């Protein structure tokens, strides 16, 4: 799933942390980072904030249907 224009990164990572299963960020090179890992969250934020404060687009893989629903609800509510 592609997620765009994330302005509240703290709230985004709270949603990721609340997910039951694995949530992965797919990088431009095709690598997958486990976003439930605090280290991966830090690395992804450091790379994103080099260019601007809003996350323009992320490609995520949520392995549990309920987690995909949580992420979708977050995007709708922001």
Protein backbone atom coordinates (compact mmCIF):
# COMPACT_ATOMS: atom_id res chain seq x y z
CA UNK A 1 0.00 0.00 0.00
CA UNK A 2 1.22 3.51 -0.71
CA UNK A 3 0.73 6.17 1.92
CA UNK A 4 1.20 9.84 1.08
CA UNK A 5 1.62 13.22 2.80
CA UNK A 6 2.21 12.10 6.38
CA UNK A 7 2.42 15.28 8.42
CA UNK A 8 2.26 13.86 11.95
CA UNK A 9 5.08 11.33 12.04
CA UNK A 10 4.70 10.73 15.78
CA UNK A 11 1.07 9.69 15.33
CA UNK A 12 2.03 7.58 12.30
CA UNK A 13 4.61 5.61 14.28
CA UNK A 14 2.14 5.17 17.16
CA UNK A 15 -0.21 3.50 14.68
CA UNK A 16 2.65 1.33 13.40
CA UNK A 17 3.56 0.37 16.99
CA UNK A 18 -0.07 -0.60 17.66
CA UNK A 19 -0.09 -3.05 14.76
CA UNK A 20 -0.17 -6.73 15.71
CA UNK A 21 1.92 -8.05 12.84
CA UNK A 22 4.93 -6.99 10.86
CA UNK A 23 4.83 -3.66 9.01
CA UNK A 24 7.57 -3.07 6.48
CA UNK A 25 8.75 0.00 4.60
CA UNK A 26 9.82 -0.73 1.03
CA UNK A 27 12.72 1.51 0.05
CA UNK A 28 13.34 2.88 -3.43
CA UNK A 29 15.96 0.17 -3.89
CA UNK A 30 13.45 -2.56 -2.99
CA UNK A 31 14.83 -3.24 0.49
CA UNK A 32 12.34 -3.87 3.28
CA UNK A 33 12.72 -2.30 6.71
CA UNK A 34 10.74 -3.52 9.70
CA UNK A 35 9.00 -0.35 10.92
CA UNK A 36 8.20 -1.88 14.28
CA UNK A 37 11.93 -1.65 15.01
CA UNK A 38 12.86 1.66 16.66
CA UNK A 39 16.20 1.64 14.84
CA UNK A 40 14.46 1.28 11.47
CA UNK A 41 12.07 4.09 12.42
CA UNK A 42 15.00 6.34 13.26
CA UNK A 43 16.87 5.51 10.05
CA UNK A 44 13.80 6.04 7.88
CA UNK A 45 13.02 9.36 9.55
CA UNK A 46 16.60 10.57 9.19
CA UNK A 47 16.52 9.86 5.46
CA UNK A 48 13.09 11.42 4.97
CA UNK A 49 13.81 14.61 6.91
CA UNK A 50 16.89 15.41 4.86
CA UNK A 51 14.52 16.81 2.27
CA UNK A 52 11.46 18.09 4.17
CA UNK A 53 9.23 17.69 7.23
CA UNK A 54 6.29 15.98 5.53
CA UNK A 55 6.71 12.40 4.41
CA UNK A 56 5.63 12.65 0.77
CA UNK A 57 5.13 8.95 0.06
CA UNK A 58 5.86 5.57 1.62
CA UNK A 59 5.26 2.10 0.33
CA UNK A 60 4.27 -0.18 3.19
CA UNK A 61 3.51 -3.85 3.53
CA UNK A 62 1.22 -4.80 6.41
CA UNK A 63 0.95 -8.55 6.82
CA UNK A 64 -2.22 -8.56 8.93
CA UNK A 65 -5.51 -7.31 7.44
CA UNK A 66 -6.40 -5.49 10.69
CA UNK A 67 -3.08 -3.66 10.55
CA UNK A 68 -3.72 -2.53 6.98
CA UNK A 69 -7.10 -1.26 8.15
CA UNK A 70 -5.47 0.68 11.04
CA UNK A 71 -3.02 2.33 8.65
CA UNK A 72 -5.79 3.20 6.19
CA UNK A 73 -7.91 4.71 8.97
CA UNK A 74 -4.92 6.81 10.06
CA UNK A 75 -4.53 8.17 6.53
CA UNK A 76 -8.22 8.99 6.27
CA UNK A 77 -8.27 10.78 9.63
CA UNK A 78 -5.20 12.95 9.13
